Amino acid sequence: MGWRDIQVDGAHYRALSIQPTDYIVKNKLGWREGNIVKYVSRHSEKGKAKDVRKIIHFALMILEDEYGEEYEIKSVD
């Protein structure tokens, strides 16, 4: 049994043909990009709207830190 056979706290990744971790590592994505992949892969099965807000938050981090653009945030709740 390997790590791909284990999932802590749910089964939301098991139905995917590619594990988010495999995709993130093989494509050498950064931490923020990796989190976007993780949350976009599971939002419909686990976190729903909360996961979509997390995707937006990580995308805003990239937008500001890497491209110097600020985006006006009205609310994240």
PDB file of N, CA and C in Angstrom:
ATOM      1  N   MET A   1       0.853  -1.180   0.000  1.00  0.00           N
ATOM      2  CA  MET A   1       0.000   0.000   0.000  1.00  0.00           C
ATOM      3  C   MET A   1       0.896   1.240   0.000  1.00  0.00           C
ATOM      4  N   GLY A   2       0.617   2.169  -0.897  1.00  0.00           N
ATOM      5  CA  GLY A   2       1.374   3.410  -0.970  1.00  0.00           C
ATOM      6  C   GLY A   2       0.533   4.591  -0.543  1.00  0.00           C
ATOM      7  N   TRP A   3       1.139   5.750  -0.566  1.00  0.00           N
ATOM      8  CA  TRP A   3       0.428   6.948  -0.115  1.00  0.00           C
ATOM      9  C   TRP A   3      -0.787   7.260  -0.979  1.00  0.00           C
ATOM     10  N   ARG A   4      -0.785   6.862  -2.250  1.00  0.00           N
ATOM     11  CA  ARG A   4      -1.932   7.125  -3.127  1.00  0.00           C
ATOM     12  C   ARG A   4      -3.157   6.294  -2.749  1.00  0.00           C
ATOM     13  N   ASP A   5      -2.947   5.260  -1.947  1.00  0.00           N
ATOM     14  CA  ASP A   5      -4.056   4.405  -1.513  1.00  0.00           C
ATOM     15  C   ASP A   5      -4.711   4.916  -0.238  1.00  0.00           C
ATOM     16  N   ILE A   6      -4.178   5.981   0.323  1.00  0.00           N
ATOM     17  CA  ILE A   6      -4.673   6.517   1.593  1.00  0.00           C
ATOM     18  C   ILE A   6      -5.181   7.931   1.368  1.00  0.00           C
ATOM     19  N   GLN A   7      -6.329   8.241   1.942  1.00  0.00           N
ATOM     20  CA  GLN A   7      -6.795   9.625   1.952  1.00  0.00           C
ATOM     21  C   GLN A   7      -7.367   9.915   3.317  1.00  0.00           C
ATOM     22  N   VAL A   8      -6.824  10.917   3.946  1.00  0.00           N
ATOM     23  CA  VAL A   8      -7.278  11.338   5.265  1.00  0.00           C
ATOM     24  C   VAL A   8      -8.421  12.329   5.087  1.00  0.00           C
ATOM     25  N   ASP A   9      -9.498  12.141   5.812  1.00  0.00           N
ATOM     26  CA  ASP A   9     -10.623  13.079   5.842  1.00  0.00           C
ATOM     27  C   ASP A   9     -11.399  13.118   4.533  1.00  0.00           C
ATOM     28  N   GLY A  10     -11.944  12.021   4.126  1.00  0.00           N
ATOM     29  CA  GLY A  10     -12.830  12.007   2.970  1.00  0.00           C
ATOM     30  C   GLY A  10     -12.336  11.162   1.813  1.00  0.00           C
ATOM     31  N   ALA A  11     -13.103  11.202   0.722  1.00  0.00           N
ATOM     32  CA  ALA A  11     -12.747  10.437  -0.468  1.00  0.00           C
ATOM     33  C   ALA A  11     -12.864  11.312  -1.722  1.00  0.00           C
ATOM     34  N   HIS A  12     -12.767  12.614  -1.554  1.00  0.00           N
ATOM     35  CA  HIS A  12     -13.019  13.545  -2.647  1.00  0.00           C
ATOM     36  C   HIS A  12     -11.987  13.503  -3.767  1.00  0.00           C
ATOM     37  N   TYR A  13     -10.809  12.925  -3.559  1.00  0.00           N
ATOM     38  CA  TYR A  13      -9.809  12.820  -4.628  1.00  0.00           C
ATOM     39  C   TYR A  13      -9.802  11.439  -5.288  1.00  0.00           C
ATOM     40  N   ARG A  14     -10.388  10.470  -4.666  1.00  0.00           N
ATOM     41  CA  ARG A  14     -10.302   9.087  -5.158  1.00  0.00           C
ATOM     42  C   ARG A  14     -10.908   8.881  -6.536  1.00  0.00           C
ATOM     43  N   ALA A  15     -11.922   9.623  -6.888  1.00  0.00           N
ATOM     44  CA  ALA A  15     -12.579   9.446  -8.182  1.00  0.00           C
ATOM     45  C   ALA A  15     -11.834  10.138  -9.321  1.00  0.00           C
ATOM     46  N   LEU A  16     -10.836  10.929  -8.999  1.00  0.00           N
ATOM     47  CA  LEU A  16     -10.106  11.663 -10.034  1.00  0.00           C
ATOM     48  C   LEU A  16      -9.140  10.757 -10.780  1.00  0.00           C
ATOM     49  N   SER A  17      -8.999  10.969 -12.080  1.00  0.00           N
ATOM     50  CA  SER A  17      -8.087  10.141 -12.871  1.00  0.00           C
ATOM     51  C   SER A  17      -6.627  10.526 -12.633  1.00  0.00           C
ATOM     52  N   ILE A  18      -6.390  11.766 -12.219  1.00  0.00           N
ATOM     53  CA  ILE A  18      -5.051  12.227 -11.868  1.00  0.00           C
ATOM     54  C   ILE A  18      -5.123  12.855 -10.480  1.00  0.00           C
ATOM     55  N   GLN A  19      -4.300  12.389  -9.576  1.00  0.00           N
ATOM     56  CA  GLN A  19      -4.263  12.964  -8.237  1.00  0.00           C
ATOM     57  C   GLN A  19      -3.696  14.383  -8.317  1.00  0.00           C
ATOM     58  N   PRO A  20      -4.315  15.349  -7.634  1.00  0.00           N
ATOM     59  CA  PRO A  20      -3.791  16.708  -7.650  1.00  0.00           C
ATOM     60  C   PRO A  20      -2.315  16.775  -7.264  1.00  0.00           C
ATOM     61  N   THR A  21      -1.896  15.986  -6.298  1.00  0.00           N
ATOM     62  CA  THR A  21      -0.493  15.992  -5.882  1.00  0.00           C
ATOM     63  C   THR A  21       0.419  15.584  -7.030  1.00  0.00           C
ATOM     64  N   ASP A  22       0.044  14.553  -7.773  1.00  0.00           N
ATOM     65  CA  ASP A  22       0.848  14.134  -8.919  1.00  0.00           C
ATOM     66  C   ASP A  22       0.956  15.254  -9.948  1.00  0.00           C
ATOM     67  N   TYR A  23      -0.155  15.893 -10.254  1.00  0.00           N
ATOM     68  CA  TYR A  23      -0.161  16.982 -11.228  1.00  0.00           C
ATOM     69  C   TYR A  23       0.720  18.142 -10.758  1.00  0.00           C
ATOM     70  N   ILE A  24       0.571  18.518  -9.495  1.00  0.00           N
ATOM     71  CA  ILE A  24       1.329  19.639  -8.928  1.00  0.00           C
ATOM     72  C   ILE A  24       2.829  19.360  -8.971  1.00  0.00           C
ATOM     73  N   VAL A  25       3.234  18.181  -8.519  1.00  0.00           N
ATOM     74  CA  VAL A  25       4.657  17.838  -8.453  1.00  0.00           C
ATOM     75  C   VAL A  25       5.249  17.695  -9.857  1.00  0.00           C
ATOM     76  N   LYS A  26       4.569  16.972 -10.738  1.00  0.00           N
ATOM     77  CA  LYS A  26       5.109  16.741 -12.081  1.00  0.00           C
ATOM     78  C   LYS A  26       5.231  18.030 -12.888  1.00  0.00           C
ATOM     79  N   ASN A  27       4.390  19.001 -12.593  1.00  0.00           N
ATOM     80  CA  ASN A  27       4.436  20.272 -13.310  1.00  0.00           C
ATOM     81  C   ASN A  27       5.200  21.349 -12.543  1.00  0.00           C
ATOM     82  N   LYS A  28       5.800  20.954 -11.422  1.00  0.00           N
ATOM     83  CA  LYS A  28       6.628  21.856 -10.614  1.00  0.00           C
ATOM     84  C   LYS A  28       5.923  23.170 -10.301  1.00  0.00           C
ATOM     85  N   LEU A  29       4.666  23.049  -9.883  1.00  0.00           N
ATOM     86  CA  LEU A  29       3.892  24.238  -9.535  1.00  0.00           C
ATOM     87  C   LEU A  29       4.300  24.761  -8.167  1.00  0.00           C
ATOM     88  N   GLY A  30       4.153  26.039  -7.986  1.00  0.00           N
ATOM     89  CA  GLY A  30       4.420  26.651  -6.693  1.00  0.00           C
ATOM     90  C   GLY A  30       3.304  26.351  -5.706  1.00  0.00           C
ATOM     91  N   TRP A  31       3.506  26.802  -4.474  1.00  0.00           N
ATOM     92  CA  TRP A  31       2.558  26.512  -3.400  1.00  0.00           C
ATOM     93  C   TRP A  31       1.179  27.085  -3.694  1.00  0.00           C
ATOM     94  N   ARG A  32       1.118  28.328  -4.136  1.00  0.00           N
ATOM     95  CA  ARG A  32      -0.178  28.959  -4.403  1.00  0.00           C
ATOM     96  C   ARG A  32      -0.876  28.294  -5.585  1.00  0.00           C
ATOM     97  N   GLU A  33      -0.134  28.047  -6.665  1.00  0.00           N
ATOM     98  CA  GLU A  33      -0.717  27.381  -7.822  1.00  0.00           C
ATOM     99  C   GLU A  33      -1.186  25.972  -7.463  1.00  0.00           C
ATOM    100  N   GLY A  34      -0.405  25.288  -6.645  1.00  0.00           N
ATOM    101  CA  GLY A  34      -0.778  23.950  -6.209  1.00  0.00           C
ATOM    102  C   GLY A  34      -2.062  23.937  -5.408  1.00  0.00           C
ATOM    103  N   ASN A  35      -2.225  24.940  -4.564  1.00  0.00           N
ATOM    104  CA  ASN A  35      -3.466  25.026  -3.799  1.00  0.00           C
ATOM    105  C   ASN A  35      -4.661  25.292  -4.699  1.00  0.00           C
ATOM    106  N   ILE A  36      -4.471  26.090  -5.741  1.00  0.00           N
ATOM    107  CA  ILE A  36      -5.561  26.321  -6.694  1.00  0.00           C
ATOM    108  C   ILE A  36      -5.966  24.998  -7.341  1.00  0.00           C
ATOM    109  N   VAL A  37      -4.993  24.201  -7.776  1.00  0.00           N
ATOM    110  CA  VAL A  37      -5.284  22.896  -8.376  1.00  0.00           C
ATOM    111  C   VAL A  37      -6.037  22.014  -7.377  1.00  0.00           C
ATOM    112  N   LYS A  38      -5.566  21.992  -6.141  1.00  0.00           N
ATOM    113  CA  LYS A  38      -6.194  21.170  -5.104  1.00  0.00           C
ATOM    114  C   LYS A  38      -7.659  21.563  -4.892  1.00  0.00           C
ATOM    115  N   TYR A  39      -7.894  22.854  -4.687  1.00  0.00           N
ATOM    116  CA  TYR A  39      -9.256  23.294  -4.386  1.00  0.00           C
ATOM    117  C   TYR A  39     -10.185  23.213  -5.592  1.00  0.00           C
ATOM    118  N   VAL A  40      -9.675  23.482  -6.796  1.00  0.00           N
ATOM    119  CA  VAL A  40     -10.532  23.387  -7.972  1.00  0.00           C
ATOM    120  C   VAL A  40     -10.887  21.922  -8.255  1.00  0.00           C
ATOM    121  N   SER A  41     -10.018  21.011  -7.858  1.00  0.00           N
ATOM    122  CA  SER A  41     -10.278  19.585  -8.061  1.00  0.00           C
ATOM    123  C   SER A  41     -11.321  19.032  -7.103  1.00  0.00           C
ATOM    124  N   ARG A  42     -11.496  19.676  -5.966  1.00  0.00           N
ATOM    125  CA  ARG A  42     -12.378  19.084  -4.951  1.00  0.00           C
ATOM    126  C   ARG A  42     -13.610  19.905  -4.600  1.00  0.00           C
ATOM    127  N   HIS A  43     -13.718  21.135  -5.083  1.00  0.00           N
ATOM    128  CA  HIS A  43     -14.766  22.025  -4.589  1.00  0.00           C
ATOM    129  C   HIS A  43     -16.170  21.444  -4.702  1.00  0.00           C
ATOM    130  N   SER A  44     -16.469  20.727  -5.764  1.00  0.00           N
ATOM    131  CA  SER A  44     -17.828  20.204  -5.919  1.00  0.00           C
ATOM    132  C   SER A  44     -18.116  19.025  -4.991  1.00  0.00           C
ATOM    133  N   GLU A  45     -17.067  18.363  -4.511  1.00  0.00           N
ATOM    134  CA  GLU A  45     -17.238  17.195  -3.650  1.00  0.00           C
ATOM    135  C   GLU A  45     -17.021  17.478  -2.167  1.00  0.00           C
ATOM    136  N   LYS A  46     -16.333  18.565  -1.831  1.00  0.00           N
ATOM    137  CA  LYS A  46     -16.021  18.791  -0.424  1.00  0.00           C
ATOM    138  C   LYS A  46     -16.380  20.193   0.049  1.00  0.00           C
ATOM    139  N   GLY A  47     -15.611  21.184  -0.334  1.00  0.00           N
ATOM    140  CA  GLY A  47     -15.729  22.498   0.282  1.00  0.00           C
ATOM    141  C   GLY A  47     -16.745  23.445  -0.311  1.00  0.00           C
ATOM    142  N   LYS A  48     -17.284  23.088  -1.480  1.00  0.00           N
ATOM    143  CA  LYS A  48     -18.299  23.900  -2.160  1.00  0.00           C
ATOM    144  C   LYS A  48     -17.825  25.352  -2.324  1.00  0.00           C
ATOM    145  N   ALA A  49     -18.671  26.318  -1.978  1.00  0.00           N
ATOM    146  CA  ALA A  49     -18.359  27.736  -2.189  1.00  0.00           C
ATOM    147  C   ALA A  49     -17.123  28.171  -1.404  1.00  0.00           C
ATOM    148  N   LYS A  50     -16.903  27.588  -0.235  1.00  0.00           N
ATOM    149  CA  LYS A  50     -15.725  27.946   0.567  1.00  0.00           C
ATOM    150  C   LYS A  50     -14.437  27.637  -0.197  1.00  0.00           C
ATOM    151  N   ASP A  51     -14.390  26.501  -0.883  1.00  0.00           N
ATOM    152  CA  ASP A  51     -13.206  26.161  -1.678  1.00  0.00           C
ATOM    153  C   ASP A  51     -13.039  27.113  -2.857  1.00  0.00           C
ATOM    154  N   VAL A  52     -14.129  27.562  -3.454  1.00  0.00           N
ATOM    155  CA  VAL A  52     -14.036  28.518  -4.559  1.00  0.00           C
ATOM    156  C   VAL A  52     -13.481  29.844  -4.042  1.00  0.00           C
ATOM    157  N   ARG A  53     -13.897  30.261  -2.847  1.00  0.00           N
ATOM    158  CA  ARG A  53     -13.330  31.484  -2.256  1.00  0.00           C
ATOM    159  C   ARG A  53     -11.832  31.319  -2.005  1.00  0.00           C
ATOM    160  N   LYS A  54     -11.408  30.127  -1.623  1.00  0.00           N
ATOM    161  CA  LYS A  54      -9.975  29.869  -1.423  1.00  0.00           C
ATOM    162  C   LYS A  54      -9.224  29.956  -2.750  1.00  0.00           C
ATOM    163  N   ILE A  55      -9.817  29.437  -3.819  1.00  0.00           N
ATOM    164  CA  ILE A  55      -9.208  29.540  -5.149  1.00  0.00           C
ATOM    165  C   ILE A  55      -8.991  31.005  -5.509  1.00  0.00           C
ATOM    166  N   ILE A  56     -10.017  31.807  -5.303  1.00  0.00           N
ATOM    167  CA  ILE A  56      -9.931  33.240  -5.600  1.00  0.00           C
ATOM    168  C   ILE A  56      -8.842  33.890  -4.762  1.00  0.00           C
ATOM    169  N   HIS A  57      -8.763  33.541  -3.489  1.00  0.00           N
ATOM    170  CA  HIS A  57      -7.754  34.112  -2.584  1.00  0.00           C
ATOM    171  C   HIS A  57      -6.345  33.804  -3.076  1.00  0.00           C
ATOM    172  N   PHE A  58      -6.084  32.550  -3.445  1.00  0.00           N
ATOM    173  CA  PHE A  58      -4.754  32.191  -3.941  1.00  0.00           C
ATOM    174  C   PHE A  58      -4.461  32.872  -5.279  1.00  0.00           C
ATOM    175  N   ALA A  59      -5.465  33.003  -6.134  1.00  0.00           N
ATOM    176  CA  ALA A  59      -5.270  33.693  -7.411  1.00  0.00           C
ATOM    177  C   ALA A  59      -4.954  35.169  -7.177  1.00  0.00           C
ATOM    178  N   LEU A  60      -5.601  35.785  -6.201  1.00  0.00           N
ATOM    179  CA  LEU A  60      -5.305  37.183  -5.874  1.00  0.00           C
ATOM    180  C   LEU A  60      -3.886  37.339  -5.344  1.00  0.00           C
ATOM    181  N   MET A  61      -3.404  36.358  -4.584  1.00  0.00           N
ATOM    182  CA  MET A  61      -2.015  36.390  -4.118  1.00  0.00           C
ATOM    183  C   MET A  61      -1.056  36.425  -5.301  1.00  0.00           C
ATOM    184  N   ILE A  62      -1.308  35.566  -6.283  1.00  0.00           N
ATOM    185  CA  ILE A  62      -0.458  35.510  -7.472  1.00  0.00           C
ATOM    186  C   ILE A  62      -0.535  36.834  -8.238  1.00  0.00           C
ATOM    187  N   LEU A  63      -1.749  37.329  -8.430  1.00  0.00           N
ATOM    188  CA  LEU A  63      -1.955  38.571  -9.168  1.00  0.00           C
ATOM    189  C   LEU A  63      -1.174  39.721  -8.550  1.00  0.00           C
ATOM    190  N   GLU A  64      -1.236  39.833  -7.230  1.00  0.00           N
ATOM    191  CA  GLU A  64      -0.563  40.936  -6.546  1.00  0.00           C
ATOM    192  C   GLU A  64       0.941  40.716  -6.435  1.00  0.00           C
ATOM    193  N   ASP A  65       1.357  39.549  -5.979  1.00  0.00           N
ATOM    194  CA  ASP A  65       2.781  39.308  -5.719  1.00  0.00           C
ATOM    195  C   ASP A  65       3.616  39.142  -6.979  1.00  0.00           C
ATOM    196  N   GLU A  66       3.063  38.523  -8.010  1.00  0.00           N
ATOM    197  CA  GLU A  66       3.856  38.251  -9.204  1.00  0.00           C
ATOM    198  C   GLU A  66       3.666  39.270 -10.319  1.00  0.00           C
ATOM    199  N   TYR A  67       2.523  39.959 -10.309  1.00  0.00           N
ATOM    200  CA  TYR A  67       2.244  40.885 -11.398  1.00  0.00           C
ATOM    201  C   TYR A  67       2.008  42.323 -10.928  1.00  0.00           C
ATOM    202  N   GLY A  68       2.063  42.521  -9.616  1.00  0.00           N
ATOM    203  CA  GLY A  68       1.932  43.857  -9.065  1.00  0.00           C
ATOM    204  C   GLY A  68       0.558  44.486  -9.220  1.00  0.00           C
ATOM    205  N   GLU A  69      -0.430  43.675  -9.470  1.00  0.00           N
ATOM    206  CA  GLU A  69      -1.794  44.189  -9.636  1.00  0.00           C
ATOM    207  C   GLU A  69      -2.615  43.926  -8.384  1.00  0.00           C
ATOM    208  N   GLU A  70      -3.291  44.948  -7.917  1.00  0.00           N
ATOM    209  CA  GLU A  70      -4.191  44.784  -6.780  1.00  0.00           C
ATOM    210  C   GLU A  70      -5.619  44.733  -7.292  1.00  0.00           C
ATOM    211  N   TYR A  71      -6.415  43.950  -6.635  1.00  0.00           N
ATOM    212  CA  TYR A  71      -7.795  43.779  -7.004  1.00  0.00           C
ATOM    213  C   TYR A  71      -8.638  44.135  -5.798  1.00  0.00           C
ATOM    214  N   GLU A  72      -9.618  44.985  -5.984  1.00  0.00           N
ATOM    215  CA  GLU A  72     -10.458  45.403  -4.865  1.00  0.00           C
ATOM    216  C   GLU A  72     -11.353  44.243  -4.417  1.00  0.00           C
ATOM    217  N   ILE A  73     -11.222  43.891  -3.173  1.00  0.00           N
ATOM    218  CA  ILE A  73     -11.986  42.785  -2.601  1.00  0.00           C
ATOM    219  C   ILE A  73     -13.114  43.382  -1.760  1.00  0.00           C
ATOM    220  N   LYS A  74     -14.341  43.028  -2.102  1.00  0.00           N
ATOM    221  CA  LYS A  74     -15.485  43.528  -1.346  1.00  0.00           C
ATOM    222  C   LYS A  74     -15.727  42.689  -0.108  1.00  0.00           C
ATOM    223  N   SER A  75     -15.646  41.358  -0.270  1.00  0.00           N
ATOM    224  CA  SER A  75     -15.876  40.441   0.849  1.00  0.00           C
ATOM    225  C   SER A  75     -15.444  39.052   0.427  1.00  0.00           C
ATOM    226  N   VAL A  76     -14.987  38.260   1.385  1.00  0.00           N
ATOM    227  CA  VAL A  76     -14.636  36.868   1.089  1.00  0.00           C
ATOM    228  C   VAL A  76     -15.504  35.898   1.878  1.00  0.00           C
ATOM    229  N   ASP A  77     -16.443  36.403   2.607  1.00  0.00           N
ATOM    230  CA  ASP A  77     -17.311  35.527   3.407  1.00  0.00           C
ATOM    231  C   ASP A  77     -18.579  35.176   2.682  1.00  0.00           C
TER     232      ASP A  77
END
